[in-house]
């Protein structure tokens, strides 16, 4: 009992040191608990990946090849360490032959795509910027129809990963997000995503989205300061657009089994004796462009990739324009909400669905477009939807969750 009384007396007489010690011990315990939890996640993911590595392959088959485009400067320079510690071991355990290509400067991923050789899997390890550069580089290639069949895996290592919620179940744990994204690549389930093709000054930019993330603090500060300095920000714009195109039926993800020999012989004989009638050439109808004149504070164009498994009748992009009667305070408030979800617009906004659109500002209007992190003088711009152009790996859990939201 005397020892207990002595201990409490010591704590009372040295309460500052005791408080500091308790804080340090609490922080240390929390950090150790987090390290232990990350180790458990890695161990469980390695056990799953090892099962893929134990699968037998035929004598004529070869190991799957994966090309990884890694941006080491992503996530404040931690991306390389995060990938080597959480993603690379899983790919190795699964028996995937990986080639890691690291980018050294902004825009290099576009050039690397032009030189990329054949690969079974393309993995993008970085953030929004790296992913947009890879997509742009892929669709600039002369053999884009072939390389677009290569499935793409996205490992979220950037400060902003806007595509991840469409593909993976996200959490507050970075290690869990990385291992989950890597395991979805190994499981092989894919989903098609739309791409926007943007033509400015005869220069072709092919990206998925037409906005750019610079981090929440910097974006908010720029939003506030530019609003206060340049208000009002109302822009007059002429929008010409084509109606949405009818969505064709989804193609099967797996090739149907080859018919037996007898069935193939009978089919060839039938085609020889009764050749199918030739279809008359289709006459292409002229495009019917509609025109709208908008007065808006902000115009935004996006795809339906937020829920890629949703069944839709038409293939379309979405044009959203905010009303021009916002006050400064309302505009800043709405802009802050869009930091979380840029596709959210107010109830009074104008919303158009189209397969393609052309933007034309009045003559003499000054300004710039921000496309793929590059600024262009405000000139006529054509935005066209490339429906289901690329296939990305998606986790089965996220697919089921998105399907439940559409029901």
Protein backbone atom coordinates (compact mmCIF):
# COMPACT_ATOMS: atom_id res chain seq x y z
CA UNK A 1 0.00 0.00 0.00
CA UNK A 2 2.87 2.34 0.83
CA UNK A 3 4.32 1.84 -2.63
CA UNK A 4 1.04 2.79 -4.25
CA UNK A 5 0.77 5.94 -2.13
CA UNK A 6 4.38 6.82 -2.99
CA UNK A 7 3.70 6.37 -6.71
CA UNK A 8 0.65 8.67 -6.63
CA UNK A 9 2.60 11.25 -4.63
CA UNK A 10 5.37 11.18 -7.25
CA UNK A 11 2.86 11.63 -10.07
CA UNK A 12 1.26 14.56 -8.24
CA UNK A 13 4.57 16.30 -7.61
CA UNK A 14 5.75 15.78 -11.24
CA UNK A 15 2.48 16.08 -13.11
CA UNK A 16 3.98 17.78 -16.18
CA UNK A 17 6.50 15.01 -16.78
CA UNK A 18 3.85 12.41 -16.02
CA UNK A 19 1.44 13.95 -18.55
CA UNK A 20 4.16 14.08 -21.21
CA UNK A 21 5.11 10.45 -20.53
CA UNK A 22 1.50 9.31 -20.80
CA UNK A 23 1.10 11.13 -24.14
CA UNK A 24 4.30 9.60 -25.53
CA UNK A 25 3.32 6.12 -24.38
CA UNK A 26 -0.18 6.50 -25.83
CA UNK A 27 1.16 7.66 -29.19
CA UNK A 28 3.76 4.89 -29.24
CA UNK A 29 1.15 2.28 -28.41
CA UNK A 30 -1.15 3.54 -31.15
CA UNK A 31 1.71 3.53 -33.67
CA UNK A 32 2.75 -0.01 -32.73
CA UNK A 33 -0.85 -1.18 -32.99
CA UNK A 34 -1.06 0.33 -36.50
CA UNK A 35 2.20 -1.33 -37.56
CA UNK A 36 0.94 -4.67 -36.28
CA UNK A 37 -2.37 -4.22 -38.13
CA UNK A 38 -0.54 -3.42 -41.39
CA UNK A 39 1.61 -6.54 -40.97
CA UNK A 40 -1.51 -8.67 -40.50
CA UNK A 41 -3.05 -7.20 -43.67
CA UNK A 42 0.11 -7.90 -45.67
CA UNK A 43 0.29 -11.47 -44.36
CA UNK A 44 -3.33 -12.20 -45.28
CA UNK A 45 -2.87 -10.71 -48.75
CA UNK A 46 0.31 -12.76 -49.29
CA UNK A 47 -1.55 -15.97 -48.44
CA UNK A 48 -4.19 -15.17 -51.06
CA UNK A 49 -1.55 -14.24 -53.66
CA UNK A 50 0.36 -17.46 -52.95
CA UNK A 51 -2.69 -19.49 -53.99
CA UNK A 52 -2.57 -17.88 -57.43
CA UNK A 53 1.12 -18.74 -57.67
CA UNK A 54 0.41 -22.40 -56.93
CA UNK A 55 -1.94 -22.78 -59.87
CA UNK A 56 -0.54 -25.06 -62.56
CA UNK A 57 -0.08 -23.89 -66.14
CA UNK A 58 0.11 -25.93 -69.31
CA UNK A 59 3.41 -26.79 -71.02
CA UNK A 60 2.69 -24.34 -73.85
CA UNK A 61 1.59 -21.52 -71.56
CA UNK A 62 3.84 -18.82 -70.18
CA UNK A 63 3.82 -16.61 -67.13
CA UNK A 64 1.71 -13.50 -67.31
CA UNK A 65 3.67 -10.31 -67.95
CA UNK A 66 2.79 -7.04 -66.27
CA UNK A 67 4.22 -3.60 -67.02
CA UNK A 68 4.06 -1.24 -64.04
CA UNK A 69 4.17 2.52 -64.59
CA UNK A 70 5.25 3.85 -61.19
CA UNK A 71 5.38 7.50 -60.20
CA UNK A 72 7.89 7.62 -57.30
CA UNK A 73 7.05 11.23 -56.44
CA UNK A 74 3.39 10.43 -55.75
CA UNK A 75 2.11 10.49 -52.17
CA UNK A 76 4.78 13.04 -51.15
CA UNK A 77 7.61 10.80 -52.40
CA UNK A 78 6.41 7.68 -50.55
CA UNK A 79 4.95 5.89 -53.57
CA UNK A 80 8.04 3.79 -54.36
CA UNK A 81 8.29 2.49 -50.78
CA UNK A 82 4.56 1.79 -50.59
CA UNK A 83 4.62 -0.16 -53.85
CA UNK A 84 7.72 -2.21 -53.01
CA UNK A 85 6.36 -3.08 -49.58
CA UNK A 86 2.70 -3.75 -50.29
CA UNK A 87 2.09 -4.46 -54.00
CA UNK A 88 5.26 -5.93 -55.54
CA UNK A 89 5.47 -8.96 -53.16
CA UNK A 90 1.90 -9.97 -54.06
CA UNK A 91 2.62 -9.85 -57.80
CA UNK A 92 5.79 -11.92 -57.33
CA UNK A 93 4.03 -14.52 -55.15
CA UNK A 94 1.29 -14.89 -57.78
CA UNK A 95 3.88 -15.74 -60.43
CA UNK A 96 3.48 -12.56 -62.45
CA UNK A 97 6.57 -11.42 -64.34
CA UNK A 98 6.66 -7.66 -63.71
CA UNK A 99 8.61 -4.89 -65.38
CA UNK A 100 8.70 -1.68 -63.34
CA UNK A 101 9.14 1.59 -65.24
CA UNK A 102 9.55 4.68 -63.03
CA UNK A 103 8.74 8.17 -64.25
CA UNK A 104 11.22 10.98 -63.60
CA UNK A 105 9.23 14.04 -64.62
CA UNK A 106 5.71 15.18 -65.42
CA UNK A 107 4.49 14.03 -68.83
CA UNK A 108 6.99 11.19 -69.19
CA UNK A 109 4.30 8.49 -68.84
CA UNK A 110 2.79 9.63 -72.16
CA UNK A 111 6.10 9.07 -73.94
CA UNK A 112 6.65 5.73 -72.21
CA UNK A 113 3.32 4.48 -73.54
CA UNK A 114 4.48 5.13 -77.10
CA UNK A 115 7.45 2.79 -76.51
CA UNK A 116 5.69 0.10 -74.48
CA UNK A 117 5.95 -3.42 -75.87
CA UNK A 118 3.31 -6.11 -75.66
CA UNK A 119 2.19 -6.91 -72.13
CA UNK A 120 -0.63 -8.96 -70.63
CA UNK A 121 -1.41 -6.47 -67.85
CA UNK A 122 -0.76 -2.74 -67.54
CA UNK A 123 -0.51 -1.48 -63.96
CA UNK A 124 -0.60 2.23 -63.09
CA UNK A 125 0.85 2.93 -59.64
CA UNK A 126 0.31 6.58 -58.83
CA UNK A 127 -2.48 9.14 -58.68
CA UNK A 128 -4.83 10.95 -61.04
CA UNK A 129 -2.02 12.65 -62.94
CA UNK A 130 -0.15 9.42 -63.70
CA UNK A 131 -3.34 7.67 -64.77
CA UNK A 132 -4.37 10.47 -67.14
CA UNK A 133 -0.94 10.52 -68.75
CA UNK A 134 -1.01 6.74 -69.29
CA UNK A 135 -4.49 6.85 -70.87
CA UNK A 136 -3.47 9.76 -73.10
CA UNK A 137 -0.32 7.94 -74.22
CA UNK A 138 -2.20 4.71 -74.92
CA UNK A 139 -4.79 6.36 -77.13
CA UNK A 140 -2.16 8.29 -79.08
CA UNK A 141 -0.57 5.06 -80.32
CA UNK A 142 -1.20 4.02 -83.93
CA UNK A 143 -2.13 0.52 -82.71
CA UNK A 144 -4.54 1.80 -80.06
CA UNK A 145 -7.26 -0.67 -81.09
CA UNK A 146 -4.93 -3.49 -80.06
CA UNK A 147 -3.41 -2.02 -76.91
CA UNK A 148 -6.81 -0.90 -75.63
CA UNK A 149 -7.65 -4.58 -75.11
CA UNK A 150 -4.93 -4.78 -72.47
CA UNK A 151 -6.58 -4.72 -69.02
CA UNK A 152 -5.42 -1.91 -66.75
CA UNK A 153 -4.91 -2.12 -63.01
CA UNK A 154 -4.90 1.04 -60.91
CA UNK A 155 -3.01 0.99 -57.60
CA UNK A 156 -3.89 4.19 -55.69
CA UNK A 157 -0.64 5.77 -54.53
CA UNK A 158 -1.38 9.44 -55.17
CA UNK A 159 -2.73 12.16 -52.95
CA UNK A 160 -5.86 12.12 -55.14
CA UNK A 161 -7.23 8.90 -56.65
CA UNK A 162 -10.62 9.85 -58.09
CA UNK A 163 -11.07 6.58 -60.01
CA UNK A 164 -10.51 4.30 -56.98
CA UNK A 165 -14.06 4.58 -55.57
CA UNK A 166 -15.38 3.19 -58.87
CA UNK A 167 -13.09 0.15 -58.72
CA UNK A 168 -12.28 -0.68 -55.08
CA UNK A 169 -13.70 -0.58 -51.59
CA UNK A 170 -11.79 2.23 -49.91
CA UNK A 171 -10.86 2.55 -46.24
CA UNK A 172 -8.80 4.85 -44.03
CA UNK A 173 -5.88 2.40 -44.23
CA UNK A 174 -3.46 2.99 -47.12
CA UNK A 175 -2.00 -0.52 -46.88
CA UNK A 176 -5.45 -2.10 -47.13
CA UNK A 177 -6.31 -0.01 -50.20
CA UNK A 178 -3.07 -0.97 -51.98
CA UNK A 179 -3.29 -4.70 -51.21
CA UNK A 180 -6.98 -4.78 -52.18
CA UNK A 181 -6.25 -3.09 -55.53
CA UNK A 182 -3.37 -5.52 -56.21
CA UNK A 183 -5.48 -8.57 -55.39
CA UNK A 184 -8.21 -7.35 -57.76
CA UNK A 185 -5.58 -7.42 -60.53
CA UNK A 186 -4.71 -11.03 -59.69
CA UNK A 187 -8.37 -12.11 -59.60
CA UNK A 188 -8.83 -10.76 -63.12
CA UNK A 189 -12.36 -9.30 -63.01
CA UNK A 190 -12.64 -6.25 -65.28
CA UNK A 191 -15.15 -3.54 -66.14
CA UNK A 192 -15.24 -1.23 -69.22
CA UNK A 193 -14.83 2.51 -68.70
CA UNK A 194 -15.62 5.46 -70.95
CA UNK A 195 -13.02 7.92 -72.18
CA UNK A 196 -13.39 11.52 -73.36
CA UNK A 197 -11.63 12.56 -76.55
CA UNK A 198 -10.84 16.27 -76.58
CA UNK A 199 -9.71 18.16 -79.67
CA UNK A 200 -8.18 21.61 -79.24
CA UNK A 201 -6.34 23.45 -82.01
CA UNK A 202 -6.02 20.19 -83.96
CA UNK A 203 -4.09 18.77 -80.99
CA UNK A 204 -5.63 15.54 -79.74
CA UNK A 205 -5.87 14.94 -76.02
CA UNK A 206 -7.49 11.75 -74.85
CA UNK A 207 -8.20 11.64 -71.12
CA UNK A 208 -10.86 10.32 -68.83
CA UNK A 209 -11.88 13.52 -67.08
CA UNK A 210 -11.38 17.19 -67.85
CA UNK A 211 -10.47 18.50 -64.41
CA UNK A 212 -7.21 18.34 -62.52
CA UNK A 213 -6.53 17.85 -58.81
CA UNK A 214 -3.81 19.85 -57.05
CA UNK A 215 -4.61 18.81 -53.50
CA UNK A 216 -7.42 20.12 -51.29
CA UNK A 217 -5.64 23.04 -49.63
CA UNK A 218 -4.10 24.46 -52.78
CA UNK A 219 -7.30 24.00 -54.78
CA UNK A 220 -9.42 25.66 -52.10
CA UNK A 221 -7.04 28.59 -51.77
CA UNK A 222 -6.95 29.10 -55.54
CA UNK A 223 -10.74 28.85 -55.66
CA UNK A 224 -11.21 31.47 -52.95
CA UNK A 225 -8.58 33.94 -54.16
CA UNK A 226 -9.54 33.78 -57.84
CA UNK A 227 -13.19 34.26 -56.90
CA UNK A 228 -12.53 37.33 -54.75
CA UNK A 229 -10.19 38.84 -57.34
CA UNK A 230 -12.14 38.19 -60.54
CA UNK A 231 -15.78 38.16 -59.43
CA UNK A 232 -18.15 37.96 -61.26
CA UNK A 233 -16.91 34.87 -63.12
CA UNK A 234 -19.92 34.50 -65.43
CA UNK A 235 -19.04 33.11 -68.87
CA UNK A 236 -21.22 33.09 -71.96
CA UNK A 237 -20.73 29.87 -73.91
CA UNK A 238 -22.37 28.28 -76.94
CA UNK A 239 -22.76 24.50 -76.63
CA UNK A 240 -23.51 22.38 -79.70
CA UNK A 241 -24.17 18.72 -78.95
CA UNK A 242 -25.25 15.43 -80.48
CA UNK A 243 -27.92 13.24 -78.95
CA UNK A 244 -26.72 10.19 -76.95
CA UNK A 245 -26.06 7.06 -78.97
CA UNK A 246 -27.86 3.78 -78.30
CA UNK A 247 -25.77 1.48 -76.14
CA UNK A 248 -24.99 -1.85 -77.87
CA UNK A 249 -25.28 -5.07 -75.85
CA UNK A 250 -22.37 -5.94 -73.62
CA UNK A 251 -19.86 -8.30 -75.16
CA UNK A 252 -19.02 -11.50 -73.23
CA UNK A 253 -15.89 -11.13 -71.14
CA UNK A 254 -14.78 -14.68 -72.03
CA UNK A 255 -14.53 -16.29 -75.46
CA UNK A 256 -17.19 -18.94 -76.10
CA UNK A 257 -15.90 -22.51 -76.41
CA UNK A 258 -14.94 -23.59 -79.89
CA UNK A 259 -17.54 -25.86 -81.58
CA UNK A 260 -16.55 -29.43 -82.32
CA UNK A 261 -15.18 -30.49 -85.70
CA UNK A 262 -18.46 -31.91 -87.06
CA UNK A 263 -20.35 -28.71 -86.26
CA UNK A 264 -17.71 -26.59 -88.00
CA UNK A 265 -17.81 -28.79 -91.14
CA UNK A 266 -21.62 -28.58 -91.36
CA UNK A 267 -21.53 -24.79 -90.91
CA UNK A 268 -18.96 -24.39 -93.69
CA UNK A 269 -20.99 -26.54 -96.06
CA UNK A 270 -24.14 -24.53 -95.33
CA UNK A 271 -22.30 -21.28 -96.03
CA UNK A 272 -21.00 -22.76 -99.27
CA UNK A 273 -24.35 -24.03 -100.57
CA UNK A 274 -26.47 -21.18 -99.20
CA UNK A 275 -24.18 -18.17 -98.88
CA UNK A 276 -25.65 -15.44 -96.70
CA UNK A 277 -27.14 -12.49 -98.53
CA UNK A 278 -24.93 -9.46 -98.63
CA UNK A 279 -26.23 -6.58 -96.60
CA UNK A 280 -26.65 -3.31 -98.49
CA UNK A 281 -24.11 -0.66 -97.55
CA UNK A 282 -25.30 1.53 -94.74
CA UNK A 283 -25.88 5.13 -95.62
CA UNK A 284 -24.41 7.35 -92.94
CA UNK A 285 -26.88 9.98 -91.86
CA UNK A 286 -25.58 13.50 -91.27
CA UNK A 287 -25.01 14.37 -87.64
CA UNK A 288 -27.84 16.37 -86.12
CA UNK A 289 -26.26 19.02 -83.91
CA UNK A 290 -28.37 20.93 -81.40
CA UNK A 291 -27.27 24.26 -79.95
CA UNK A 292 -27.71 25.85 -76.53
CA UNK A 293 -26.50 29.22 -75.27
CA UNK A 294 -25.55 29.13 -71.60
CA UNK A 295 -24.60 31.79 -69.09
CA UNK A 296 -22.78 30.00 -66.31
CA UNK A 297 -20.27 30.34 -63.51
CA UNK A 298 -18.88 26.87 -64.11
CA UNK A 299 -19.21 24.31 -66.87
CA UNK A 300 -18.12 20.74 -66.25
CA UNK A 301 -18.10 17.66 -68.51
CA UNK A 302 -17.79 14.14 -67.12
CA UNK A 303 -18.57 10.50 -67.89
CA UNK A 304 -20.67 7.89 -66.11
CA UNK A 305 -17.58 6.14 -64.75
CA UNK A 306 -18.65 6.84 -61.17
CA UNK A 307 -20.76 3.68 -61.42
CA UNK A 308 -19.33 1.66 -64.33
CA UNK A 309 -21.51 -1.42 -63.74
CA UNK A 310 -24.79 0.48 -64.06
CA UNK A 311 -26.89 -0.75 -66.99
CA UNK A 312 -27.75 2.18 -69.26
CA UNK A 313 -29.81 2.46 -72.43
CA UNK A 314 -27.59 5.13 -74.01
CA UNK A 315 -23.88 5.89 -74.09
CA UNK A 316 -23.45 9.53 -73.16
CA UNK A 317 -21.30 12.15 -71.51
CA UNK A 318 -22.83 14.67 -69.11
CA UNK A 319 -22.60 18.45 -69.50
CA UNK A 320 -23.37 20.38 -66.32
CA UNK A 321 -23.55 24.17 -66.04
CA UNK A 322 -24.14 26.05 -62.79
CA UNK A 323 -26.56 29.01 -62.78
CA UNK A 324 -25.13 32.51 -63.07
CA UNK A 325 -26.94 34.03 -60.07
CA UNK A 326 -24.69 32.77 -57.25
CA UNK A 327 -23.33 35.16 -54.65
CA UNK A 328 -19.64 35.02 -53.76
CA UNK A 329 -20.38 33.13 -50.55
CA UNK A 330 -22.62 30.58 -52.27
CA UNK A 331 -20.05 30.01 -54.99
CA UNK A 332 -17.25 29.37 -52.48
CA UNK A 333 -19.51 27.04 -50.45
CA UNK A 334 -20.47 24.99 -53.53
CA UNK A 335 -16.83 24.85 -54.61
CA UNK A 336 -15.81 23.50 -51.20
CA UNK A 337 -18.39 20.70 -51.48
CA UNK A 338 -17.05 19.76 -54.89
CA UNK A 339 -13.70 19.03 -53.32
CA UNK A 340 -15.26 15.79 -52.09
CA UNK A 341 -17.18 14.97 -55.28
CA UNK A 342 -16.66 17.15 -58.39
CA UNK A 343 -19.67 15.58 -60.14
CA UNK A 344 -22.14 17.00 -57.60
CA UNK A 345 -24.04 20.04 -58.88
CA UNK A 346 -26.84 22.15 -57.46
CA UNK A 347 -30.50 21.49 -58.25
CA UNK A 348 -30.74 24.64 -60.43
CA UNK A 349 -27.88 23.61 -62.72
CA UNK A 350 -28.41 22.83 -66.40
CA UNK A 351 -27.73 19.19 -67.27
CA UNK A 352 -27.39 17.84 -70.82
CA UNK A 353 -26.56 14.32 -72.00
CA UNK A 354 -24.78 13.95 -75.32
CA UNK A 355 -22.45 11.71 -77.29
CA UNK A 356 -20.34 14.71 -78.38
CA UNK A 357 -20.31 18.44 -77.83
CA UNK A 358 -18.56 21.56 -79.10
CA UNK A 359 -17.81 24.55 -76.88
CA UNK A 360 -17.51 28.01 -78.39
CA UNK A 361 -16.83 31.18 -76.41
CA UNK A 362 -17.86 34.60 -77.80
CA UNK A 363 -15.25 36.42 -79.84
CA UNK A 364 -12.92 38.51 -77.75
CA UNK A 365 -13.39 36.38 -74.61
CA UNK A 366 -10.19 35.85 -72.66
CA UNK A 367 -9.45 32.73 -70.66
CA UNK A 368 -7.92 29.29 -70.68
CA UNK A 369 -9.01 25.66 -70.66
CA UNK A 370 -7.27 23.30 -68.26
CA UNK A 371 -6.98 19.94 -70.03
CA UNK A 372 -4.69 17.17 -68.84
CA UNK A 373 -2.82 19.67 -66.62
CA UNK A 374 -2.00 21.83 -69.63
CA UNK A 375 -3.49 25.24 -70.32
CA UNK A 376 -4.85 26.14 -73.75
CA UNK A 377 -6.17 29.42 -75.00
CA UNK A 378 -9.97 29.51 -74.96
CA UNK A 379 -10.71 28.39 -78.52
CA UNK A 380 -13.36 26.05 -79.99
CA UNK A 381 -13.19 22.66 -78.29
CA UNK A 382 -14.81 19.37 -79.34
CA UNK A 383 -15.41 16.72 -76.69
CA UNK A 384 -16.45 13.28 -77.91
CA UNK A 385 -17.28 10.17 -75.92
CA UNK A 386 -15.39 6.95 -76.60
CA UNK A 387 -17.74 4.48 -74.89
CA UNK A 388 -16.23 1.52 -73.04
CA UNK A 389 -12.84 2.17 -74.60
CA UNK A 390 -10.66 0.73 -71.83
CA UNK A 391 -11.02 -2.14 -69.37
CA UNK A 392 -9.97 -1.76 -65.73
CA UNK A 393 -9.68 -4.36 -63.00
CA UNK A 394 -12.42 -4.11 -60.37
CA UNK A 395 -12.85 -5.93 -57.07
CA UNK A 396 -15.80 -8.32 -56.87
CA UNK A 397 -16.95 -6.74 -53.60
CA UNK A 398 -17.09 -3.27 -55.15
CA UNK A 399 -18.95 -4.58 -58.20
CA UNK A 400 -21.62 -6.17 -55.99
CA UNK A 401 -21.93 -3.00 -53.95
CA UNK A 402 -22.38 -0.83 -57.05
CA UNK A 403 -24.94 -3.27 -58.48
CA UNK A 404 -26.94 -3.09 -55.26
CA UNK A 405 -27.07 0.72 -55.57
CA UNK A 406 -28.65 0.52 -59.03
CA UNK A 407 -31.44 -1.83 -57.97
